[in-house]
């Protein structure tokens, strides 16, 4: 899609030489699955090293509690009800502008390696959209989320061609990213590295599982599922380390902005076979994937940009995945065109220590698959309404487990958030119903 952009202005714009951008998206990685958020049962040294060299975002939120809508929000900077993707089976409308499309006009080459969440073809199209249709120059991985449940694939997509592969999928993704770096030219690049761990199938390389066997409680020692879940996370960490080392060997790390997030919280559903429940992957939060409690939408996140983002910092400012598009564009020295109607804001000044995230109300909805939850948050207060019931108000800073409904103590806050939420829901794009 052709798109316009505006030159960035002000102290938050990127350097004259725009940075390389590496966006690492884990799949269903829980808040408590990583060392920088307190996990002690296993180590994530690469992610922790990145955190020590950058900033941990303590209040970073997914834009939706499931993969497809969340990733669409991330790529477009727009809420699910505004980009037309409110369900996992919906394809991104072709007129939506992605981060890759916007950065192309700044001279970026891009690769998406890993998971692309393809839905059903939109009206007027014979086939669903492909990453190469949405601004990416190269693609390697899965186009279909159902195929992406497989951790040891025999075939993956290389561009528009199916190729034979062998090995653990996150290892293969990292190999492909490193090959991109080996072949990249002098211009800046954007990498969307969408790993599959620890989503759905509980499987990991045997050598990685062996590192955890006997160190975690198991229901059945003959089938060390908890050790396997831990192995998926530590293998993810090992692959992040391989990627970071590759940037350093090639002299690229000093001008590369790295962002690591999850697409939503850990799942407690049948596919995880009880692992993330037993390991308390979303602690200290209530809820899981497919819910709007903190466990479903508050995600592990870290950002690093040597010389620009101060080392060893933590931020309690509220950030949402819809903010990544305008923020990454700002780092590249451009801004989103007003015609795109981006919902997110540029939070780069906060990361650089020269400003704050503007006060605003954030919104969520999950009204699919027999669920019915909507939520609004402003500052520390979050209003949640389930199945049209009584609105519940939580102070998620003081009560992160959402145990105490404080609507009776702060009735005006609850009233204002409900009014804002109703207005937001009324703005839904008709494409969400297709």
Protein backbone atom coordinates (compact mmCIF):
# COMPACT_ATOMS: atom_id res chain seq x y z
CA UNK A 1 0.00 0.00 0.00
CA UNK A 2 1.29 3.48 -0.82
CA UNK A 3 1.44 5.75 2.19
CA UNK A 4 2.66 9.18 3.16
CA UNK A 5 4.74 10.16 6.14
CA UNK A 6 5.80 13.33 7.86
CA UNK A 7 9.30 14.23 8.99
CA UNK A 8 9.76 13.97 12.73
CA UNK A 9 10.40 17.08 14.75
CA UNK A 10 11.47 17.92 18.25
CA UNK A 11 13.92 16.37 20.69
CA UNK A 12 12.35 12.91 20.48
CA UNK A 13 13.25 12.27 16.84
CA UNK A 14 15.88 9.71 15.95
CA UNK A 15 19.46 10.54 15.08
CA UNK A 16 20.26 11.69 11.53
CA UNK A 17 21.35 8.13 10.81
CA UNK A 18 18.13 6.28 11.66
CA UNK A 19 18.57 3.31 13.96
CA UNK A 20 18.09 -0.28 13.05
CA UNK A 21 14.97 -1.57 14.78
CA UNK A 22 14.56 -5.08 16.16
CA UNK A 23 11.10 -5.93 17.50
CA UNK A 24 11.03 -9.29 19.30
CA UNK A 25 7.53 -10.63 20.00
CA UNK A 26 7.14 -13.70 22.19
CA UNK A 27 3.94 -15.74 21.98
CA UNK A 28 1.92 -16.10 25.22
CA UNK A 29 4.94 -15.31 27.39
CA UNK A 30 3.75 -14.59 30.92
CA UNK A 31 4.80 -11.62 33.04
CA UNK A 32 6.58 -13.89 35.55
CA UNK A 33 8.31 -16.13 33.00
CA UNK A 34 11.41 -13.90 32.78
CA UNK A 35 14.20 -13.16 35.20
CA UNK A 36 13.88 -9.38 35.01
CA UNK A 37 10.36 -9.76 36.45
CA UNK A 38 11.48 -12.08 39.24
CA UNK A 39 11.50 -15.61 37.82
CA UNK A 40 13.98 -17.63 39.91
CA UNK A 41 13.19 -21.24 38.94
CA UNK A 42 15.10 -20.79 35.68
CA UNK A 43 17.39 -18.16 34.21
CA UNK A 44 16.89 -15.81 31.27
CA UNK A 45 20.37 -14.24 31.11
CA UNK A 46 20.08 -12.76 27.63
CA UNK A 47 16.83 -10.96 28.36
CA UNK A 48 18.17 -9.89 31.74
CA UNK A 49 21.33 -8.56 30.10
CA UNK A 50 19.20 -6.58 27.67
CA UNK A 51 17.19 -5.23 30.61
CA UNK A 52 20.35 -4.18 32.41
CA UNK A 53 21.42 -2.29 29.30
CA UNK A 54 18.07 -0.61 28.83
CA UNK A 55 14.69 -0.06 30.45
CA UNK A 56 12.14 -2.50 31.84
CA UNK A 57 8.57 -1.39 31.20
CA UNK A 58 6.71 -2.46 34.34
CA UNK A 59 3.31 -1.39 33.04
CA UNK A 60 3.30 -2.46 29.42
CA UNK A 61 -0.01 -3.77 28.11
CA UNK A 62 -1.06 -5.89 25.17
CA UNK A 63 -3.79 -4.25 23.10
CA UNK A 64 -5.88 -7.42 23.12
CA UNK A 65 -5.85 -10.67 25.12
CA UNK A 66 -5.38 -12.97 22.09
CA UNK A 67 -2.74 -13.26 19.39
CA UNK A 68 -4.41 -12.09 16.17
CA UNK A 69 -6.00 -8.85 17.36
CA UNK A 70 -2.98 -8.02 19.54
CA UNK A 71 -0.54 -8.37 16.65
CA UNK A 72 -2.79 -6.35 14.34
CA UNK A 73 -2.87 -3.56 16.94
CA UNK A 74 0.90 -3.68 17.30
CA UNK A 75 1.53 -3.44 13.55
CA UNK A 76 -0.99 -0.66 12.88
CA UNK A 77 -0.95 1.40 16.09
CA UNK A 78 -4.75 1.11 16.21
CA UNK A 79 -7.21 -0.54 18.56
CA UNK A 80 -8.80 -3.77 17.42
CA UNK A 81 -12.18 -2.09 16.97
CA UNK A 82 -10.55 0.45 14.65
CA UNK A 83 -8.36 -1.82 12.50
CA UNK A 84 -11.05 -4.42 11.84
CA UNK A 85 -9.34 -7.34 13.61
CA UNK A 86 -11.28 -8.26 16.73
CA UNK A 87 -11.10 -12.04 16.27
CA UNK A 88 -8.31 -14.51 15.60
CA UNK A 89 -9.86 -15.56 12.28
CA UNK A 90 -9.97 -12.06 10.76
CA UNK A 91 -7.43 -10.88 8.21
CA UNK A 92 -5.85 -7.45 8.45
CA UNK A 93 -7.63 -5.14 5.97
CA UNK A 94 -5.32 -4.25 3.10
CA UNK A 95 -5.82 -0.50 3.53
CA UNK A 96 -4.27 -0.59 7.00
CA UNK A 97 -0.69 0.72 7.13
CA UNK A 98 1.84 -1.39 9.03
CA UNK A 99 5.10 -0.40 10.70
CA UNK A 100 6.98 -2.03 7.83
CA UNK A 101 5.11 0.00 5.21
CA UNK A 102 5.68 3.24 7.08
CA UNK A 103 9.40 2.60 7.61
CA UNK A 104 9.92 1.67 3.96
CA UNK A 105 9.59 5.36 3.09
CA UNK A 106 12.54 6.09 5.39
CA UNK A 107 14.70 3.62 3.48
CA UNK A 108 14.27 0.61 5.77
CA UNK A 109 14.50 -2.96 4.55
CA UNK A 110 12.39 -5.34 6.59
CA UNK A 111 12.03 -8.99 7.47
CA UNK A 112 9.24 -10.71 9.36
CA UNK A 113 10.53 -14.00 10.74
CA UNK A 114 8.17 -16.27 12.63
CA UNK A 115 4.43 -15.91 13.03
CA UNK A 116 2.14 -13.93 10.75
CA UNK A 117 -1.47 -14.09 11.93
CA UNK A 118 -3.41 -14.65 8.72
CA UNK A 119 -7.22 -14.68 8.80
CA UNK A 120 -9.94 -15.37 6.28
CA UNK A 121 -9.76 -13.41 3.03
CA UNK A 122 -11.57 -10.09 3.25
CA UNK A 123 -14.52 -9.35 0.95
CA UNK A 124 -13.26 -8.65 -2.55
CA UNK A 125 -10.07 -10.70 -2.11
CA UNK A 126 -9.49 -14.30 -3.16
CA UNK A 127 -6.61 -14.86 -0.76
CA UNK A 128 -5.69 -13.55 2.68
CA UNK A 129 -3.01 -10.90 2.89
CA UNK A 130 0.62 -12.00 2.96
CA UNK A 131 3.38 -10.14 4.86
CA UNK A 132 4.91 -9.17 1.52
CA UNK A 133 1.61 -7.40 0.74
CA UNK A 134 1.93 -5.31 3.89
CA UNK A 135 5.36 -3.75 3.49
CA UNK A 136 7.76 -6.51 4.49
CA UNK A 137 10.55 -7.14 1.99
CA UNK A 138 11.24 -10.66 3.25
CA UNK A 139 9.26 -13.25 5.15
CA UNK A 140 10.11 -16.58 6.73
CA UNK A 141 7.79 -18.59 8.93
CA UNK A 142 4.12 -19.42 9.38
CA UNK A 143 1.27 -17.52 7.77
CA UNK A 144 -1.39 -19.56 9.56
CA UNK A 145 -1.80 -19.54 13.34
CA UNK A 146 -2.99 -23.16 13.37
CA UNK A 147 0.16 -24.33 11.60
CA UNK A 148 2.12 -22.23 14.07
CA UNK A 149 1.17 -24.63 16.85
CA UNK A 150 3.87 -26.95 15.47
CA UNK A 151 7.24 -26.50 17.21
CA UNK A 152 9.23 -28.87 14.94
CA UNK A 153 7.99 -28.03 11.42
CA UNK A 154 8.96 -29.83 8.24
CA UNK A 155 7.92 -26.94 5.99
CA UNK A 156 7.78 -23.17 6.38
CA UNK A 157 7.19 -20.25 4.04
CA UNK A 158 10.16 -18.45 2.53
CA UNK A 159 8.49 -15.48 0.92
CA UNK A 160 5.61 -17.00 -1.04
CA UNK A 161 7.28 -20.39 -1.47
CA UNK A 162 7.01 -23.41 0.82
CA UNK A 163 10.43 -24.76 1.73
CA UNK A 164 11.51 -27.85 3.61
CA UNK A 165 13.05 -27.28 7.03
CA UNK A 166 14.22 -29.35 9.96
CA UNK A 167 14.65 -28.34 13.58
CA UNK A 168 13.06 -26.37 16.39
CA UNK A 169 11.09 -23.46 15.00
CA UNK A 170 12.59 -20.69 17.17
CA UNK A 171 16.09 -21.88 16.27
CA UNK A 172 15.12 -21.74 12.59
CA UNK A 173 13.71 -18.23 13.01
CA UNK A 174 16.95 -17.04 14.59
CA UNK A 175 19.04 -18.67 11.84
CA UNK A 176 16.99 -16.80 9.23
CA UNK A 177 17.35 -13.47 11.04
CA UNK A 178 21.12 -13.90 11.24
CA UNK A 179 21.20 -14.70 7.52
CA UNK A 180 19.33 -11.43 6.90
CA UNK A 181 21.96 -9.58 8.92
CA UNK A 182 24.74 -11.26 6.93
CA UNK A 183 23.15 -10.13 3.68
CA UNK A 184 21.94 -6.68 4.74
CA UNK A 185 23.30 -3.62 2.99
CA UNK A 186 24.28 -0.25 4.44
CA UNK A 187 20.74 1.06 4.95
CA UNK A 188 18.68 0.68 8.15
CA UNK A 189 16.57 -2.41 8.74
CA UNK A 190 13.43 -3.38 10.63
CA UNK A 191 13.20 -6.91 11.99
CA UNK A 192 9.93 -8.29 13.31
CA UNK A 193 11.11 -11.44 15.09
CA UNK A 194 7.93 -13.24 16.12
CA UNK A 195 8.99 -16.29 18.08
CA UNK A 196 6.57 -19.14 18.81
CA UNK A 197 7.53 -19.84 22.43
CA UNK A 198 5.83 -20.67 24.68
CA UNK A 199 2.55 -20.77 22.74
CA UNK A 200 0.29 -23.85 22.58
CA UNK A 201 2.24 -27.09 22.00
CA UNK A 202 4.48 -27.85 24.98
CA UNK A 203 7.63 -28.97 23.15
CA UNK A 204 11.29 -27.99 23.10
CA UNK A 205 14.66 -29.48 22.06
CA UNK A 206 15.71 -32.42 24.22
CA UNK A 207 18.99 -30.83 25.29
CA UNK A 208 17.11 -27.77 26.56
CA UNK A 209 14.55 -29.85 28.43
CA UNK A 210 17.33 -31.88 30.07
CA UNK A 211 18.64 -28.72 31.74
CA UNK A 212 15.40 -28.47 33.76
CA UNK A 213 14.44 -32.07 34.46
CA UNK A 214 14.37 -32.75 38.19
CA UNK A 215 14.45 -29.05 39.09
CA UNK A 216 10.71 -28.39 38.88
CA UNK A 217 7.73 -30.23 40.37
CA UNK A 218 5.98 -32.58 37.95
CA UNK A 219 2.65 -34.38 38.06
CA UNK A 220 4.15 -37.21 36.01
CA UNK A 221 7.93 -37.52 36.10
CA UNK A 222 7.85 -39.68 32.98
CA UNK A 223 6.44 -36.67 31.12
CA UNK A 224 8.27 -33.59 32.47
CA UNK A 225 5.89 -30.99 31.10
CA UNK A 226 6.92 -28.21 33.48
CA UNK A 227 10.56 -28.76 32.57
CA UNK A 228 9.53 -28.55 28.91
CA UNK A 229 7.69 -25.27 29.46
CA UNK A 230 10.76 -23.86 31.19
CA UNK A 231 12.85 -25.11 28.27
CA UNK A 232 10.69 -23.21 25.78
CA UNK A 233 11.35 -20.01 27.71
CA UNK A 234 15.08 -20.57 28.18
CA UNK A 235 15.47 -21.57 24.53
CA UNK A 236 13.70 -18.34 23.61
CA UNK A 237 16.21 -16.52 25.80
CA UNK A 238 19.09 -18.40 24.19
CA UNK A 239 17.89 -17.38 20.74
CA UNK A 240 17.52 -13.74 21.80
CA UNK A 241 21.13 -13.99 22.96
CA UNK A 242 22.20 -15.37 19.58
CA UNK A 243 20.49 -12.46 17.86
CA UNK A 244 22.06 -9.86 20.17
CA UNK A 245 25.49 -11.44 19.74
CA UNK A 246 25.07 -11.35 15.96
CA UNK A 247 24.31 -7.61 16.11
CA UNK A 248 27.40 -7.01 18.22
CA UNK A 249 29.71 -9.08 15.98
CA UNK A 250 28.61 -7.05 12.98
CA UNK A 251 29.07 -3.71 14.74
CA UNK A 252 25.34 -2.98 14.56
CA UNK A 253 24.36 -3.03 18.24
CA UNK A 254 25.36 0.56 18.99
CA UNK A 255 22.74 1.96 16.63
CA UNK A 256 19.98 -0.60 17.07
CA UNK A 257 16.79 -0.08 19.05
CA UNK A 258 15.65 -3.42 20.49
CA UNK A 259 12.13 -3.92 21.84
CA UNK A 260 11.01 -7.19 23.47
CA UNK A 261 7.34 -7.82 24.28
CA UNK A 262 4.78 -10.60 24.47
CA UNK A 263 1.56 -10.53 22.47
CA UNK A 264 -0.55 -11.25 25.59
CA UNK A 265 -0.32 -12.99 28.94
CA UNK A 266 0.29 -16.70 29.49
CA UNK A 267 -2.56 -19.08 28.80
CA UNK A 268 -4.02 -21.51 31.34
CA UNK A 269 -5.99 -23.32 28.65
CA UNK A 270 -5.86 -27.01 27.74
CA UNK A 271 -2.99 -26.76 25.27
CA UNK A 272 -0.55 -25.68 27.99
CA UNK A 273 -1.42 -28.91 29.86
CA UNK A 274 -1.35 -27.15 33.21
CA UNK A 275 2.25 -25.98 32.92
CA UNK A 276 1.78 -22.21 33.09
CA UNK A 277 -0.75 -22.71 35.89
CA UNK A 278 1.62 -24.84 37.97
CA UNK A 279 4.46 -22.41 37.30
CA UNK A 280 2.28 -19.36 38.02
CA UNK A 281 3.39 -17.62 34.84
CA UNK A 282 1.24 -14.50 35.32
CA UNK A 283 1.96 -13.90 39.01
CA UNK A 284 1.12 -11.69 40.84
CA UNK A 285 -1.76 -10.95 38.50
CA UNK A 286 -5.23 -12.38 38.19
CA UNK A 287 -6.35 -13.91 34.91
CA UNK A 288 -4.80 -15.27 31.74
CA UNK A 289 -4.93 -15.00 27.98
CA UNK A 290 -8.49 -14.37 26.77
CA UNK A 291 -9.31 -12.26 29.82
CA UNK A 292 -8.91 -8.55 30.51
CA UNK A 293 -7.60 -8.92 34.02
CA UNK A 294 -3.95 -7.96 34.38
CA UNK A 295 -2.77 -11.52 33.80
CA UNK A 296 -4.25 -11.48 30.32
CA UNK A 297 -2.93 -8.13 29.14
CA UNK A 298 0.02 -6.94 31.28
CA UNK A 299 3.12 -8.27 29.54
CA UNK A 300 6.88 -8.50 30.07
CA UNK A 301 8.64 -5.76 28.12
CA UNK A 302 12.12 -4.29 27.81
CA UNK A 303 13.62 -1.66 25.47
CA UNK A 304 17.27 -0.92 24.74
CA UNK A 305 19.02 1.65 22.55
CA UNK A 306 22.69 2.18 23.50
CA UNK A 307 23.54 5.78 24.23
CA UNK A 308 19.92 6.88 23.98
CA UNK A 309 17.98 4.88 26.57
CA UNK A 310 19.66 4.96 29.96
CA UNK A 311 20.89 1.64 31.31
CA UNK A 312 19.35 -0.25 34.20
CA UNK A 313 16.14 1.77 34.40
CA UNK A 314 12.58 0.77 35.19
CA UNK A 315 9.50 2.68 34.08
CA UNK A 316 6.04 2.62 35.67
CA UNK A 317 4.52 4.72 32.89
CA UNK A 318 1.61 3.04 31.13
CA UNK A 319 2.48 1.83 27.63
CA UNK A 320 0.29 -0.12 25.21
CA UNK A 321 1.31 -2.09 22.11
CA UNK A 322 -0.60 0.41 19.98
CA UNK A 323 2.14 2.88 20.98
CA UNK A 324 4.88 0.92 19.26
CA UNK A 325 4.10 2.09 15.74
CA UNK A 326 4.28 5.86 16.42
CA UNK A 327 7.21 5.34 18.79
CA UNK A 328 9.31 3.31 16.35
CA UNK A 329 8.54 5.80 13.59
CA UNK A 330 9.66 8.63 15.87
CA UNK A 331 12.93 6.81 16.52
CA UNK A 332 13.40 6.65 12.75
CA UNK A 333 12.73 10.39 12.46
CA UNK A 334 9.24 10.25 10.94
CA UNK A 335 5.67 10.33 12.18
CA UNK A 336 2.42 8.65 11.27
CA UNK A 337 0.26 10.35 8.68
CA UNK A 338 -2.93 11.77 10.25
CA UNK A 339 -5.01 9.92 7.64
CA UNK A 340 -4.02 6.62 9.27
CA UNK A 341 -5.96 7.57 12.44
CA UNK A 342 -3.41 5.93 14.72
CA UNK A 343 -4.66 5.47 18.30
CA UNK A 344 -1.26 5.01 19.94
CA UNK A 345 1.06 7.78 21.06
CA UNK A 346 4.79 8.34 20.72
CA UNK A 347 6.29 7.25 24.05
CA UNK A 348 9.90 7.69 22.94
CA UNK A 349 10.43 10.82 25.12
CA UNK A 350 9.64 8.67 28.15
CA UNK A 351 12.14 6.02 27.08
CA UNK A 352 14.81 8.68 26.46
CA UNK A 353 14.19 10.34 29.82
CA UNK A 354 13.14 13.68 28.33
CA UNK A 355 9.37 13.51 28.83
CA UNK A 356 6.41 11.49 30.00
CA UNK A 357 3.65 9.44 28.42
CA UNK A 358 0.67 11.80 28.08
CA UNK A 359 -2.32 11.24 30.35
CA UNK A 360 -5.03 9.31 28.52
CA UNK A 361 -7.62 6.58 28.86
CA UNK A 362 -6.80 3.17 27.37
CA UNK A 363 -9.40 0.62 26.29
CA UNK A 364 -9.82 -3.11 25.72
CA UNK A 365 -12.59 -5.41 24.60
CA UNK A 366 -12.90 -9.18 24.32
CA UNK A 367 -16.40 -10.18 23.25
CA UNK A 368 -15.67 -13.32 21.27
CA UNK A 369 -15.61 -17.08 21.89
CA UNK A 370 -18.41 -16.87 24.49
CA UNK A 371 -16.55 -14.18 26.43
CA UNK A 372 -17.79 -10.68 27.17
CA UNK A 373 -15.37 -8.32 28.88
CA UNK A 374 -14.60 -4.65 28.31
CA UNK A 375 -12.19 -2.45 30.22
CA UNK A 376 -10.89 1.11 30.48
CA UNK A 377 -7.84 2.39 32.33
CA UNK A 378 -6.65 5.84 33.26
CA UNK A 379 -3.58 6.11 35.43
CA UNK A 380 -3.77 3.52 38.20
CA UNK A 381 -7.53 2.94 37.92
CA UNK A 382 -8.99 0.23 35.73
CA UNK A 383 -12.70 -0.34 35.16
CA UNK A 384 -13.73 -3.82 34.08
CA UNK A 385 -17.23 -4.95 33.10
CA UNK A 386 -17.96 -8.63 32.54
CA UNK A 387 -21.07 -9.88 30.68
CA UNK A 388 -22.87 -6.60 31.24
CA UNK A 389 -22.62 -6.99 35.00
CA UNK A 390 -21.73 -4.51 37.69
CA UNK A 391 -18.68 -2.41 36.74
CA UNK A 392 -15.68 -3.26 38.89
CA UNK A 393 -12.99 -0.66 39.62
CA UNK A 394 -9.46 -1.61 40.62
CA UNK A 395 -6.37 0.34 41.56
CA UNK A 396 -3.92 -1.90 39.74
CA UNK A 397 -0.89 -0.14 41.18
CA UNK A 398 -1.91 -0.76 44.80
CA UNK A 399 -3.82 -3.97 44.07
CA UNK A 400 -2.22 -5.70 41.06
CA UNK A 401 -4.12 -8.94 41.80
CA UNK A 402 -7.43 -7.05 41.35
CA UNK A 403 -8.94 -8.37 44.58
CA UNK A 404 -10.55 -5.17 45.86
CA UNK A 405 -13.34 -3.52 43.90
CA UNK A 406 -13.05 0.16 44.91
CA UNK A 407 -15.98 1.50 42.84
CA UNK A 408 -17.85 2.40 46.03
CA UNK A 409 -14.86 4.42 47.24
CA UNK A 410 -14.28 6.19 43.91
CA UNK A 411 -17.74 6.38 42.28
CA UNK A 412 -16.90 9.36 40.07
CA UNK A 413 -13.83 7.63 38.67
CA UNK A 414 -15.96 4.58 37.85
CA UNK A 415 -18.64 6.76 36.26
CA UNK A 416 -16.16 8.70 34.12
CA UNK A 417 -14.38 5.56 32.90
CA UNK A 418 -17.68 3.89 32.01
CA UNK A 419 -18.74 6.96 30.03
CA UNK A 420 -15.41 6.96 28.16
CA UNK A 421 -15.69 3.23 27.53
CA UNK A 422 -19.17 3.52 26.06
CA UNK A 423 -18.03 6.29 23.71
CA UNK A 424 -15.07 4.18 22.61
CA UNK A 425 -17.22 1.13 21.93
CA UNK A 426 -19.56 3.30 19.85
CA UNK A 427 -16.62 4.15 17.55
CA UNK A 428 -16.20 0.55 16.33
CA UNK A 429 -15.32 0.13 12.64
CA UNK A 430 -17.82 -1.94 10.66
CA UNK A 431 -14.98 -4.12 9.30
CA UNK A 432 -14.83 -5.84 12.69
CA UNK A 433 -18.17 -7.46 11.90
CA UNK A 434 -17.04 -8.93 8.57
